[in-house]
Amino acid sequence: MNQEAILAVLPDSKDDAKSLKEIAKEMGLEITAYVDWIRVEGRLSSSLRALARWGLVTLERRQREEGHKFWYNAYWKTELANDSGRCCAGTGE
């Protein structure tokens, strides 16, 4: 999964944080069938965990307030991710 594409759709603030499903939809990933969703969820989750380990993404456990009260992770970019996008590659800045 392309991590730059993931970062491109993630919001900058906690208030606008997105769920896995919202991220997948915004990236245009095919999730019409359950089996498609399982594949997308696994790859996307793995990439988001790596981005969180590197400090580029933050996540928070939330409980849905309407409908079924299931738990999910909400993701957003950190300041480090925003700063790394402005930096020049290879300059060491």
C-alpha atoms as a PDB file:
ATOM      1  CA  MET A   1       0.000   0.000   0.000  1.00  0.00           C
ATOM      2  CA  ASN A   2       1.436   3.374  -1.016  1.00  0.00           C
ATOM      3  CA  GLN A   3       2.106   5.301   2.197  1.00  0.00           C
ATOM      4  CA  GLU A   4       2.292   8.655   0.424  1.00  0.00           C
ATOM      5  CA  ALA A   5      -1.221   8.090  -0.941  1.00  0.00           C
ATOM      6  CA  ILE A   6      -2.445   7.289   2.572  1.00  0.00           C
ATOM      7  CA  LEU A   7      -0.878  10.444   4.005  1.00  0.00           C
ATOM      8  CA  ALA A   8      -2.435  12.491   1.196  1.00  0.00           C
ATOM      9  CA  VAL A   9      -5.985  11.605   2.315  1.00  0.00           C
ATOM     10  CA  LEU A  10      -5.426  11.859   6.073  1.00  0.00           C
ATOM     11  CA  PRO A  11      -6.569  15.032   7.818  1.00  0.00           C
ATOM     12  CA  ASP A  12      -4.181  17.250   9.776  1.00  0.00           C
ATOM     13  CA  SER A  13      -6.292  17.467  12.924  1.00  0.00           C
ATOM     14  CA  LYS A  14      -7.709  15.120  15.533  1.00  0.00           C
ATOM     15  CA  ASP A  15     -11.151  16.689  15.080  1.00  0.00           C
ATOM     16  CA  ASP A  16     -11.269  15.569  11.435  1.00  0.00           C
ATOM     17  CA  ALA A  17      -9.736  12.102  12.035  1.00  0.00           C
ATOM     18  CA  LYS A  18     -10.920   9.304   9.721  1.00  0.00           C
ATOM     19  CA  SER A  19     -11.727   5.636  10.168  1.00  0.00           C
ATOM     20  CA  LEU A  20     -10.212   2.865   8.035  1.00  0.00           C
ATOM     21  CA  LYS A  21     -13.347   2.730   5.914  1.00  0.00           C
ATOM     22  CA  GLU A  22     -13.327   6.503   5.321  1.00  0.00           C
ATOM     23  CA  ILE A  23      -9.655   6.393   4.334  1.00  0.00           C
ATOM     24  CA  ALA A  24     -10.255   3.485   1.934  1.00  0.00           C
ATOM     25  CA  LYS A  25     -13.216   5.254   0.300  1.00  0.00           C
ATOM     26  CA  GLU A  26     -11.283   8.503  -0.117  1.00  0.00           C
ATOM     27  CA  MET A  27      -8.391   6.583  -1.697  1.00  0.00           C
ATOM     28  CA  GLY A  28     -10.862   5.038  -4.157  1.00  0.00           C
ATOM     29  CA  LEU A  29     -10.145   1.468  -3.035  1.00  0.00           C
ATOM     30  CA  GLU A  30     -12.659  -1.176  -4.124  1.00  0.00           C
ATOM     31  CA  ILE A  31     -14.640  -2.392  -1.099  1.00  0.00           C
ATOM     32  CA  THR A  32     -17.969  -3.452  -2.623  1.00  0.00           C
ATOM     33  CA  ALA A  33     -17.728  -7.084  -1.485  1.00  0.00           C
ATOM     34  CA  TYR A  34     -16.868  -8.333   2.000  1.00  0.00           C
ATOM     35  CA  VAL A  35     -13.828 -10.229   0.719  1.00  0.00           C
ATOM     36  CA  ASP A  36     -12.546  -7.016  -0.917  1.00  0.00           C
ATOM     37  CA  TRP A  37     -12.944  -5.151   2.373  1.00  0.00           C
ATOM     38  CA  ILE A  38     -10.992  -7.826   4.281  1.00  0.00           C
ATOM     39  CA  ARG A  39      -8.079  -7.514   1.831  1.00  0.00           C
ATOM     40  CA  VAL A  40      -8.105  -3.716   1.879  1.00  0.00           C
ATOM     41  CA  GLU A  41      -8.446  -3.583   5.656  1.00  0.00           C
ATOM     42  CA  GLY A  42      -5.415  -5.829   6.191  1.00  0.00           C
ATOM     43  CA  ARG A  43      -3.132  -3.903   3.853  1.00  0.00           C
ATOM     44  CA  LEU A  44      -4.328  -0.492   4.987  1.00  0.00           C
ATOM     45  CA  SER A  45      -4.068  -1.401   8.694  1.00  0.00           C
ATOM     46  CA  SER A  46      -0.518  -2.651   8.209  1.00  0.00           C
ATOM     47  CA  SER A  47       0.533   0.541   6.439  1.00  0.00           C
ATOM     48  CA  LEU A  48      -1.122   2.771   9.046  1.00  0.00           C
ATOM     49  CA  ARG A  49       0.610   0.870  11.881  1.00  0.00           C
ATOM     50  CA  ALA A  50       3.972   1.423  10.158  1.00  0.00           C
ATOM     51  CA  LEU A  51       3.240   5.135   9.708  1.00  0.00           C
ATOM     52  CA  ALA A  52       2.278   5.344  13.404  1.00  0.00           C
ATOM     53  CA  ARG A  53       5.553   3.627  14.426  1.00  0.00           C
ATOM     54  CA  TRP A  54       7.477   6.201  12.398  1.00  0.00           C
ATOM     55  CA  GLY A  55       5.577   9.040  14.078  1.00  0.00           C
ATOM     56  CA  LEU A  56       3.805  10.244  10.931  1.00  0.00           C
ATOM     57  CA  VAL A  57       0.292   9.206  12.002  1.00  0.00           C
ATOM     58  CA  THR A  58      -1.565   9.266  15.307  1.00  0.00           C
ATOM     59  CA  LEU A  59      -4.512   7.086  16.187  1.00  0.00           C
ATOM     60  CA  GLU A  60      -7.172   7.081  18.849  1.00  0.00           C
ATOM     61  CA  ARG A  61      -9.698   4.391  19.851  1.00  0.00           C
ATOM     62  CA  ARG A  62     -13.241   5.718  19.541  1.00  0.00           C
ATOM     63  CA  GLN A  63     -16.696   4.311  20.035  1.00  0.00           C
ATOM     64  CA  ARG A  64     -19.332   5.030  17.442  1.00  0.00           C
ATOM     65  CA  GLU A  65     -22.060   7.229  18.884  1.00  0.00           C
ATOM     66  CA  GLU A  66     -24.915   6.347  16.540  1.00  0.00           C
ATOM     67  CA  GLY A  67     -26.207   2.960  15.471  1.00  0.00           C
ATOM     68  CA  HIS A  68     -24.135   0.016  16.686  1.00  0.00           C
ATOM     69  CA  LYS A  69     -21.711   1.140  19.384  1.00  0.00           C
ATOM     70  CA  PHE A  70     -18.632  -0.634  18.010  1.00  0.00           C
ATOM     71  CA  TRP A  71     -15.050   0.555  18.542  1.00  0.00           C
ATOM     72  CA  TYR A  72     -12.768   1.758  15.763  1.00  0.00           C
ATOM     73  CA  ASN A  73      -9.464   3.575  15.297  1.00  0.00           C
ATOM     74  CA  ALA A  74      -9.472   7.162  14.042  1.00  0.00           C
ATOM     75  CA  TYR A  75      -6.320   8.359  12.227  1.00  0.00           C
ATOM     76  CA  TRP A  76      -4.780  11.733  11.437  1.00  0.00           C
ATOM     77  CA  LYS A  77      -1.367  13.096  10.396  1.00  0.00           C
ATOM     78  CA  THR A  78       1.132  14.426  12.907  1.00  0.00           C
ATOM     79  CA  GLU A  79       3.115  17.630  12.562  1.00  0.00           C
ATOM     80  CA  LEU A  80       6.102  15.472  11.607  1.00  0.00           C
ATOM     81  CA  ALA A  81       4.215  14.203   8.541  1.00  0.00           C
ATOM     82  CA  ASN A  82       3.298  17.738   7.553  1.00  0.00           C
ATOM     83  CA  ASP A  83       6.883  18.944   8.010  1.00  0.00           C
ATOM     84  CA  SER A  84       8.406  16.031   6.083  1.00  0.00           C
ATOM     85  CA  GLY A  85       6.277  16.911   3.053  1.00  0.00           C
ATOM     86  CA  ARG A  86       7.765  20.416   2.943  1.00  0.00           C
ATOM     87  CA  CYS A  87      11.373  19.261   3.223  1.00  0.00           C
ATOM     88  CA  CYS A  88      13.642  18.822   0.242  1.00  0.00           C
ATOM     89  CA  ALA A  89      14.641  15.208  -0.412  1.00  0.00           C
ATOM     90  CA  GLY A  90      18.310  14.426  -0.014  1.00  0.00           C
ATOM     91  CA  THR A  91      19.358  17.742   1.524  1.00  0.00           C
ATOM     92  CA  GLY A  92      19.396  16.494   5.099  1.00  0.00           C
ATOM     93  CA  GLU A  93      17.231  19.375   6.282  1.00  0.00           C
END
